[in-house]
N, C-alpha and C. Protein backbone atom coordinates (compact mmCIF):
# COMPACT_ATOMS: atom_id res chain seq x y z
N UNK A 1 -34.58 21.08 49.91
CA UNK A 1 -34.41 21.30 49.04
C UNK A 1 -35.07 19.83 48.31
N UNK A 2 -35.89 19.98 46.92
CA UNK A 2 -36.16 18.80 46.46
C UNK A 2 -35.49 18.00 45.46
N UNK A 3 -35.32 16.79 45.34
CA UNK A 3 -34.41 16.88 44.45
C UNK A 3 -34.19 17.13 43.35
N UNK A 4 -35.12 17.31 42.59
CA UNK A 4 -35.31 18.06 41.40
C UNK A 4 -34.85 19.63 41.68
N UNK A 5 -35.02 20.42 42.66
CA UNK A 5 -34.05 21.72 42.70
C UNK A 5 -33.15 21.33 42.68
N UNK A 6 -32.39 20.54 43.63
CA UNK A 6 -30.78 20.50 43.94
C UNK A 6 -30.09 20.13 42.49
N UNK A 7 -30.81 19.61 41.44
CA UNK A 7 -30.54 19.34 40.05
C UNK A 7 -30.02 20.60 39.76
N UNK A 8 -31.35 21.75 39.71
CA UNK A 8 -30.91 22.74 38.82
C UNK A 8 -30.14 23.61 39.61
N UNK A 9 -29.99 23.82 40.80
CA UNK A 9 -29.07 24.85 41.30
C UNK A 9 -27.70 24.56 40.75
N UNK A 10 -27.14 26.26 40.20
CA UNK A 10 -25.94 26.14 39.92
C UNK A 10 -24.93 25.50 40.60
N UNK A 11 -23.96 24.59 40.28
CA UNK A 11 -23.01 23.94 40.68
C UNK A 11 -21.60 25.65 41.39
N UNK A 12 -22.29 24.52 42.36
CA UNK A 12 -20.86 25.96 43.37
C UNK A 12 -19.25 25.44 42.38
N UNK A 13 -18.54 26.66 42.31
CA UNK A 13 -17.72 26.19 41.73
C UNK A 13 -16.55 25.65 42.90
N UNK A 14 -15.74 25.19 42.90
CA UNK A 14 -15.07 24.69 43.60
C UNK A 14 -13.61 25.87 43.45
N UNK A 15 -12.83 25.95 44.32
CA UNK A 15 -11.33 27.25 44.97
C UNK A 15 -10.02 26.14 43.59
N UNK A 16 -9.92 27.17 43.37
CA UNK A 16 -8.93 26.23 42.91
C UNK A 16 -7.32 25.83 43.93
N UNK A 17 -7.18 24.89 43.69
CA UNK A 17 -6.08 24.17 44.55
C UNK A 17 -4.80 24.49 44.49
N UNK A 18 -3.64 25.31 45.11
CA UNK A 18 -2.34 25.68 44.77
C UNK A 18 -1.41 25.14 44.68
N UNK A 19 -0.69 24.70 43.94
CA UNK A 19 0.72 24.08 44.71
C UNK A 19 1.37 23.81 46.19
N UNK A 20 1.49 23.17 46.64
CA UNK A 20 2.10 23.68 47.69
C UNK A 20 3.47 23.38 47.51
N UNK A 21 4.04 23.47 46.55
CA UNK A 21 5.31 23.26 46.27
C UNK A 21 6.25 24.43 47.03
N UNK A 22 6.87 24.27 47.43
CA UNK A 22 7.99 25.73 48.00
C UNK A 22 9.35 25.85 47.83
N UNK A 23 9.71 25.28 46.01
CA UNK A 23 11.22 25.74 45.88
C UNK A 23 11.74 24.85 46.46
N UNK A 24 11.86 23.53 47.17
CA UNK A 24 13.28 22.77 47.46
C UNK A 24 12.75 21.67 47.70
N UNK A 25 12.98 20.94 46.03
CA UNK A 25 12.27 20.21 45.65
C UNK A 25 13.39 18.74 45.81
N UNK A 26 13.08 18.05 47.17
CA UNK A 26 14.29 16.65 46.81
C UNK A 26 13.90 15.59 46.55
N UNK A 27 13.04 15.61 45.22
CA UNK A 27 11.95 14.93 44.72
C UNK A 27 13.22 13.78 43.13
N UNK A 28 14.56 15.07 43.20
CA UNK A 28 15.03 15.15 41.56
C UNK A 28 16.10 14.40 42.42
N UNK A 29 16.70 14.14 43.21
CA UNK A 29 17.47 13.94 44.56
C UNK A 29 17.75 12.03 44.15
N UNK A 30 15.77 11.76 44.52
CA UNK A 30 16.16 10.13 44.55
C UNK A 30 15.14 10.44 45.79
N UNK A 31 14.15 11.32 46.14
CA UNK A 31 13.71 11.11 47.66
C UNK A 31 12.07 10.78 47.25
N UNK A 32 11.75 9.96 47.71
CA UNK A 32 10.46 9.38 47.38
C UNK A 32 9.42 10.15 48.18
N UNK A 33 9.78 10.78 48.66
CA UNK A 33 9.05 12.28 49.62
C UNK A 33 9.66 13.40 49.25
N UNK A 34 8.92 14.83 48.91
CA UNK A 34 9.37 15.72 48.74
C UNK A 34 9.75 16.82 50.29
N UNK A 35 10.82 17.02 50.58
CA UNK A 35 11.23 17.20 52.26
C UNK A 35 11.08 18.95 51.79
N UNK A 36 10.59 19.39 50.59
CA UNK A 36 10.09 20.83 51.35
C UNK A 36 8.26 21.17 50.88
N UNK A 37 7.44 19.98 49.95
CA UNK A 37 6.28 20.50 50.28
C UNK A 37 6.36 18.86 50.88
N UNK A 38 6.55 17.58 50.83
CA UNK A 38 5.49 16.46 51.65
C UNK A 38 4.85 15.83 50.57
N UNK A 39 4.76 16.64 49.64
CA UNK A 39 4.55 15.43 48.71
C UNK A 39 5.37 14.30 47.73
N UNK A 40 4.14 13.11 47.95
CA UNK A 40 5.29 12.10 47.11
C UNK A 40 5.68 12.07 45.94
N UNK A 41 6.77 12.02 45.64
CA UNK A 41 7.25 12.39 43.63
C UNK A 41 6.54 12.02 42.84
N UNK A 42 5.65 10.94 42.85
CA UNK A 42 4.36 11.05 41.86
C UNK A 42 3.75 12.39 41.47
N UNK A 43 2.89 12.13 43.07
CA UNK A 43 2.62 13.66 42.99
C UNK A 43 2.98 15.37 42.41
N UNK A 44 4.52 15.05 43.10
CA UNK A 44 4.70 16.53 42.41
C UNK A 44 5.37 16.12 40.65
N UNK A 45 5.52 15.39 40.23
CA UNK A 45 5.52 15.39 38.78
C UNK A 45 3.66 15.01 38.03
N UNK A 46 3.38 14.76 38.77
CA UNK A 46 2.27 14.85 38.08
C UNK A 46 0.30 15.82 38.32
N UNK A 47 1.19 16.75 39.24
CA UNK A 47 0.78 17.57 39.95
C UNK A 47 -0.69 18.53 38.92
N UNK A 48 0.06 18.77 37.89
CA UNK A 48 -0.59 19.83 37.11
C UNK A 48 -1.35 18.42 36.07
N UNK A 49 -1.53 17.46 35.86
CA UNK A 49 -2.17 17.16 34.66
C UNK A 49 -3.33 16.59 36.46
N UNK A 50 -3.74 16.26 37.54
CA UNK A 50 -4.53 16.62 38.30
C UNK A 50 -5.79 17.16 38.23
N UNK A 51 -6.83 16.63 38.51
CA UNK A 51 -8.05 17.42 38.55
C UNK A 51 -8.15 18.06 39.85
N UNK A 52 -8.85 19.18 40.10
CA UNK A 52 -9.23 19.82 41.07
C UNK A 52 -9.22 18.96 42.37
N UNK A 53 -10.24 17.99 42.02
CA UNK A 53 -10.42 17.01 43.19
C UNK A 53 -9.55 16.00 43.52
N UNK A 54 -8.82 16.00 42.73
CA UNK A 54 -7.36 15.54 43.22
C UNK A 54 -6.17 16.07 43.29
N UNK A 55 -6.52 17.32 43.42
CA UNK A 55 -5.27 18.15 44.32
C UNK A 55 -5.52 18.51 45.83
N UNK A 56 -7.21 18.36 45.49
CA UNK A 56 -7.38 19.02 46.68
C UNK A 56 -7.65 17.53 48.13
N UNK A 57 -7.35 16.52 47.25
CA UNK A 57 -7.59 15.36 48.50
C UNK A 57 -5.99 15.31 49.03
N UNK A 58 -5.14 15.56 47.94
CA UNK A 58 -3.35 15.64 48.44
C UNK A 58 -3.23 16.85 49.01
N UNK A 59 -4.30 17.49 49.27
CA UNK A 59 -3.87 19.22 49.90
C UNK A 59 -4.45 18.91 51.27
N UNK A 60 -5.41 17.91 51.41
CA UNK A 60 -6.62 17.56 52.52
C UNK A 60 -5.64 16.81 53.21
N UNK A 61 -4.85 15.48 52.55
CA UNK A 61 -4.05 14.55 53.48
C UNK A 61 -2.57 16.16 54.07
N UNK A 62 -2.02 16.66 53.16
CA UNK A 62 -0.72 17.18 53.54
C UNK A 62 -1.46 18.19 54.91
N UNK A 63 -2.27 19.14 54.93
CA UNK A 63 -2.94 19.62 56.17
C UNK A 63 -3.71 19.21 57.22
N UNK A 64 -3.73 17.97 56.64
CA UNK A 64 -4.16 16.71 57.88
C UNK A 64 -2.50 16.91 58.93
N UNK A 65 -2.07 16.36 58.40
CA UNK A 65 -0.71 15.30 58.47
C UNK A 65 0.27 17.48 59.55
N UNK A 66 0.33 18.07 58.95
CA UNK A 66 0.87 19.48 59.43
C UNK A 66 -0.16 20.27 60.88
N UNK A 67 -1.00 20.20 60.34
CA UNK A 67 -2.61 20.52 61.70
C UNK A 67 -1.85 19.74 62.86
N UNK A 68 -1.85 18.00 62.68
CA UNK A 68 -1.58 16.93 63.62
C UNK A 68 -0.16 17.32 64.36
N UNK A 69 0.74 17.55 63.43
CA UNK A 69 1.94 17.78 64.03
C UNK A 69 2.28 18.71 64.51
N UNK A 70 1.34 20.21 64.36
CA UNK A 70 1.62 21.23 65.06
C UNK A 70 0.40 21.53 66.59
N UNK A 71 -0.04 20.80 66.46
CA UNK A 71 -1.28 20.26 67.88
C UNK A 71 0.19 19.67 68.78
N UNK A 72 0.59 18.80 68.46
CA UNK A 72 1.34 18.76 69.23
C UNK A 72 2.50 18.88 70.08
N UNK A 73 2.93 20.42 69.87
CA UNK A 73 3.69 21.08 70.11
C UNK A 73 3.15 22.64 70.75
N UNK A 74 1.92 23.22 70.66
CA UNK A 74 0.96 24.17 70.13
C UNK A 74 -0.45 24.36 70.92
N UNK A 75 -0.68 25.00 71.29
CA UNK A 75 -2.21 25.18 71.22
C UNK A 75 -2.56 26.79 71.01
N UNK A 76 -4.04 26.93 69.98
CA UNK A 76 -4.06 28.64 69.49
C UNK A 76 -5.08 28.48 70.11
N UNK A 77 -4.92 29.94 71.43
CA UNK A 77 -5.57 30.40 72.75
C UNK A 77 -6.53 31.39 72.05
N UNK A 78 -6.48 31.95 70.43
CA UNK A 78 -7.16 32.49 70.43
C UNK A 78 -6.80 33.04 68.41
N UNK A 79 -8.20 32.32 67.74
CA UNK A 79 -8.16 31.29 66.56
C UNK A 79 -8.31 33.26 66.02
N UNK A 80 -9.33 33.85 66.42
CA UNK A 80 -9.79 35.24 65.72
C UNK A 80 -7.70 36.36 65.65
N UNK A 81 -7.23 36.31 67.01
CA UNK A 81 -6.39 37.04 67.03
C UNK A 81 -4.83 36.56 65.92
N UNK A 82 -5.12 35.28 65.93
CA UNK A 82 -3.85 34.53 65.30
C UNK A 82 -4.02 34.98 63.90
N UNK A 83 -5.42 34.77 63.36
CA UNK A 83 -6.00 34.83 61.87
C UNK A 83 -5.56 36.89 61.68
N UNK A 84 -5.80 37.55 62.50
CA UNK A 84 -5.89 39.04 62.69
C UNK A 84 -4.41 39.25 62.39
N UNK A 85 -3.38 38.48 62.82
CA UNK A 85 -2.07 38.63 63.29
C UNK A 85 -1.57 38.31 62.04
N UNK A 86 -2.36 36.84 61.13
CA UNK A 86 -1.65 36.37 59.70
C UNK A 86 -1.68 37.08 58.42
N UNK A 87 -3.17 38.21 58.81
CA UNK A 87 -3.16 39.77 57.84
C UNK A 87 -2.35 40.49 58.25
N UNK A 88 -2.14 40.58 59.14
CA UNK A 88 -1.51 42.17 59.72
C UNK A 88 -0.13 41.95 58.93
N UNK A 89 0.29 41.04 59.35
CA UNK A 89 1.64 40.96 59.33
C UNK A 89 2.45 39.85 57.85
N UNK A 90 0.36 39.69 56.68
CA UNK A 90 0.85 39.88 55.22
C UNK A 90 1.74 38.57 55.46
N UNK A 91 0.92 37.66 56.19
CA UNK A 91 1.58 36.25 56.08
C UNK A 91 0.26 35.50 55.26
N UNK A 92 1.26 34.45 54.07
CA UNK A 92 1.04 33.91 53.28
C UNK A 92 0.63 32.24 54.40
N UNK A 93 -0.98 32.12 53.58
CA UNK A 93 -1.62 31.59 54.38
C UNK A 93 -3.66 31.13 53.47
N UNK A 94 -3.29 29.41 54.17
CA UNK A 94 -4.34 29.06 53.38
C UNK A 94 -5.98 29.62 53.85
N UNK A 95 -6.82 29.96 53.76
CA UNK A 95 -7.73 30.13 54.18
C UNK A 95 -9.05 29.39 54.69
N UNK A 96 -8.55 27.63 53.70
CA UNK A 96 -9.39 26.65 53.54
C UNK A 96 -8.84 25.78 54.95
N UNK A 97 -7.48 25.20 54.51
CA UNK A 97 -6.67 25.40 55.90
C UNK A 97 -6.94 25.83 57.70
N UNK A 98 -7.00 24.56 58.98
CA UNK A 98 -7.66 24.84 60.03
C UNK A 98 -5.89 26.05 60.33
N UNK A 99 -6.16 26.19 61.80
CA UNK A 99 -5.46 27.57 62.38
C UNK A 99 -4.34 26.99 62.50
N UNK A 100 -4.17 25.17 63.01
CA UNK A 100 -3.02 25.21 63.67
C UNK A 100 -1.83 25.28 61.58
N UNK A 101 -2.36 25.32 60.38
CA UNK A 101 -1.45 25.33 59.18
C UNK A 101 -0.72 26.61 59.58
N UNK A 102 -1.88 28.17 59.50
CA UNK A 102 -2.21 28.94 59.51
C UNK A 102 -1.07 29.25 60.77
N UNK A 103 -0.86 29.42 61.55
CA UNK A 103 0.25 28.69 63.26
C UNK A 103 1.07 28.51 62.20
N UNK A 104 1.50 28.01 61.80
CA UNK A 104 3.00 26.40 60.92
C UNK A 104 3.07 28.34 59.68
N UNK A 105 2.39 28.87 59.27
CA UNK A 105 2.88 29.39 57.99
C UNK A 105 3.46 30.90 59.49
N UNK A 106 3.14 31.19 60.39
CA UNK A 106 3.36 32.10 61.16
C UNK A 106 4.46 32.15 61.11
N UNK A 107 5.00 30.81 62.32
CA UNK A 107 6.42 30.54 62.01
C UNK A 107 7.25 30.16 61.07
N UNK A 108 6.74 30.12 60.00
CA UNK A 108 8.10 29.84 59.28
C UNK A 108 8.22 31.50 58.64
N UNK A 109 7.12 31.94 58.50
CA UNK A 109 7.63 33.80 58.17
C UNK A 109 8.38 34.27 59.28
N UNK A 110 8.35 34.05 60.26
CA UNK A 110 8.98 35.35 61.45
C UNK A 110 9.10 34.48 63.31
N UNK A 111 9.13 33.14 63.58
CA UNK A 111 9.28 32.33 64.53
C UNK A 111 10.23 33.12 64.96
N UNK A 112 11.72 33.96 65.04
CA UNK A 112 12.31 34.64 65.55
C UNK A 112 12.14 35.87 66.37
N UNK A 113 11.30 36.48 65.67
CA UNK A 113 10.43 37.95 65.71
C UNK A 113 9.06 37.49 66.90
N UNK A 114 8.85 36.56 67.00
CA UNK A 114 7.99 36.01 67.91
C UNK A 114 8.03 36.22 69.60
N UNK A 115 7.93 37.45 70.45
CA UNK A 115 8.72 36.64 71.70
C UNK A 115 6.53 37.18 72.74
N UNK A 116 6.56 36.98 72.37
CA UNK A 116 4.96 37.26 72.71
C UNK A 116 3.76 36.33 72.58
N UNK A 117 3.71 35.00 72.56
CA UNK A 117 3.00 34.32 71.32
C UNK A 117 1.38 34.33 71.93
N UNK A 118 1.32 34.85 73.41
CA UNK A 118 -0.13 35.22 73.01
C UNK A 118 -0.63 36.38 72.50
N UNK A 119 0.06 37.45 72.70
CA UNK A 119 -0.12 38.14 71.79
C UNK A 119 -0.35 37.96 69.76
N UNK A 120 -0.31 36.23 69.62
CA UNK A 120 0.32 36.28 68.24
C UNK A 120 -1.62 35.42 68.01
N UNK A 121 -2.12 35.47 69.53
CA UNK A 121 -3.33 34.05 69.90
C UNK A 121 -3.02 32.45 69.55
N UNK A 122 -1.46 32.55 70.33
CA UNK A 122 -1.20 31.16 70.38
C UNK A 122 -0.49 31.02 71.74
N UNK A 123 -0.03 29.36 72.57
CA UNK A 123 1.07 29.07 73.57
C UNK A 123 1.94 27.69 73.18
N UNK A 124 2.64 27.71 73.63
CA UNK A 124 3.08 26.40 73.32
C UNK A 124 2.81 25.64 74.60
N UNK A 125 2.71 24.33 74.12
CA UNK A 125 2.54 23.40 75.09
C UNK A 125 3.47 23.23 76.45
N UNK A 126 3.45 22.89 77.50
CA UNK A 126 4.45 23.20 78.91
C UNK A 126 5.74 22.02 78.46
N UNK A 127 5.36 21.34 77.71
CA UNK A 127 6.76 20.39 77.53
C UNK A 127 7.50 20.88 76.64
N UNK A 128 7.11 21.64 75.71
CA UNK A 128 8.42 22.24 75.06
C UNK A 128 8.87 23.34 75.04
N UNK A 129 7.82 24.70 76.25
CA UNK A 129 8.39 26.10 76.56
C UNK A 129 10.19 25.61 76.47
N UNK A 130 10.49 25.32 76.32
CA UNK A 130 12.31 24.99 76.85
C UNK A 130 13.16 25.53 75.42
N UNK A 131 12.19 25.51 74.55
CA UNK A 131 12.72 25.41 73.35
C UNK A 131 12.15 26.52 72.55
N UNK A 132 12.87 27.05 71.49
CA UNK A 132 12.95 28.58 70.78
C UNK A 132 11.70 27.63 69.65
N UNK A 133 10.66 29.06 69.21
CA UNK A 133 9.64 28.99 68.25
C UNK A 133 10.15 28.93 67.13
N UNK A 134 11.74 28.95 66.45
CA UNK A 134 12.84 28.76 65.17
C UNK A 134 12.75 27.24 65.23
N UNK A 135 13.07 26.39 66.93
CA UNK A 135 13.84 24.66 67.24
C UNK A 135 12.30 24.33 66.73
N UNK A 136 11.40 24.86 67.81
CA UNK A 136 10.58 24.48 67.61
C UNK A 136 9.13 24.13 66.03
N UNK A 137 9.42 24.95 65.42
CA UNK A 137 8.86 24.85 64.18
C UNK A 137 10.23 24.04 62.79
N UNK A 138 11.09 23.62 62.90
CA UNK A 138 12.32 22.64 62.41
C UNK A 138 11.61 21.50 63.22
N UNK A 139 11.23 21.29 64.09
CA UNK A 139 11.19 19.66 64.59
C UNK A 139 9.54 19.39 64.01
N UNK A 140 8.49 20.00 64.05
CA UNK A 140 7.35 19.92 63.18
C UNK A 140 7.47 19.94 61.95
N UNK A 141 8.34 20.52 61.01
CA UNK A 141 8.77 20.63 59.13
C UNK A 141 9.66 18.95 59.96
N UNK A 142 10.39 18.35 60.02
CA UNK A 142 10.82 17.36 60.47
C UNK A 142 9.85 15.92 60.77
N UNK A 143 9.06 16.56 62.09
CA UNK A 143 7.70 15.35 61.71
C UNK A 143 6.84 15.29 60.41
N UNK A 144 6.35 16.52 60.63
CA UNK A 144 5.69 16.53 59.17
C UNK A 144 6.02 15.58 58.09
N UNK A 145 7.48 15.92 57.83
CA UNK A 145 8.17 14.77 56.31
C UNK A 145 7.72 13.97 57.12
N UNK A 146 8.51 13.05 58.08
CA UNK A 146 8.40 12.42 59.02
C UNK A 146 6.85 11.15 58.79
N UNK A 147 6.01 12.10 59.20
CA UNK A 147 4.49 11.32 58.91
C UNK A 147 4.58 11.25 57.98
N UNK A 148 4.55 11.91 56.73
CA UNK A 148 4.43 12.07 55.13
C UNK A 148 4.82 10.56 54.61
N UNK A 149 6.53 10.68 54.47
CA UNK A 149 7.55 9.46 54.71
C UNK A 149 6.33 8.10 55.30
N UNK A 150 5.83 8.07 56.24
CA UNK A 150 5.67 6.82 56.89
C UNK A 150 4.48 6.60 56.18
N UNK A 151 3.48 7.31 55.76
CA UNK A 151 2.23 7.05 55.32
C UNK A 151 2.69 5.97 53.73
N UNK A 152 3.52 6.77 53.25
CA UNK A 152 4.28 6.74 51.70
C UNK A 152 4.42 4.82 52.05
N UNK A 153 5.43 4.88 53.04
CA UNK A 153 5.91 4.07 53.29
C UNK A 153 5.08 2.65 53.26
N UNK A 154 3.81 2.74 53.76
CA UNK A 154 2.79 1.75 54.56
C UNK A 154 1.90 1.65 53.85
N UNK A 155 1.20 2.86 52.37
CA UNK A 155 0.37 2.84 51.58
C UNK A 155 0.59 2.69 50.00
N UNK A 156 2.14 3.29 50.05
CA UNK A 156 2.36 2.95 48.37
C UNK A 156 3.50 2.13 48.13
N UNK A 157 4.61 1.56 48.62
CA UNK A 157 5.77 1.81 49.04
C UNK A 157 5.81 -0.16 48.88
N UNK A 158 4.62 -0.52 49.93
CA UNK A 158 4.41 -2.01 50.37
C UNK A 158 3.90 -2.48 49.61
N UNK A 159 4.05 -3.48 49.21
CA UNK A 159 3.18 -4.54 48.54
C UNK A 159 1.77 -4.61 49.69
N UNK A 160 0.71 -4.76 48.83
CA UNK A 160 -0.20 -5.42 49.72
C UNK A 160 0.09 -6.67 49.84
N UNK A 161 -0.69 -7.14 51.28
CA UNK A 161 0.34 -9.03 51.46
C UNK A 161 -1.40 -9.39 51.39
N UNK A 162 -2.21 -8.48 51.22
CA UNK A 162 -3.26 -9.82 50.54
C UNK A 162 -3.76 -9.63 49.62
N UNK A 163 -3.34 -8.81 48.74
CA UNK A 163 -3.30 -9.25 46.64
C UNK A 163 -3.17 -10.94 46.81
N UNK A 164 -4.34 -11.21 46.00
CA UNK A 164 -3.16 -12.81 45.01
C UNK A 164 -2.98 -12.46 43.84
N UNK A 165 -2.00 -12.97 43.60
CA UNK A 165 -0.75 -12.76 43.09
C UNK A 165 -1.54 -13.96 41.94
């Protein structure tokens, strides 16, 4: 595609980024990082004023952190089966996010009802098999918050040591 053709082609509309809010906000009681959605307090406050691009940046960071935490405990063995189960079980998930975020949504919706993980397209890493899926989901949620909090502390709460005064 030439440069002139590219400039004349219609822009692809970016999908609206939904709020990650889950209705369990802890920023109102003074937390710098929400224990519900894992956004920083200023992101919670300013969310409605953000552009779609700014919302997408926050959404990508959160999805990346969640995926990292999930991959520490789980492996998706059949992404097609996992997606089918998400749709069949009518679990709300963001199809833009990776399969590990979808798996977390599945565990939030019904970890205690899953007996055979392979029939849902995932397995638990050997190290973690002695834990229930519900306990693992809680561990992941805590690690997700810890990762968001550490990111906040490192990049937003700590002054730049190299900045000239």
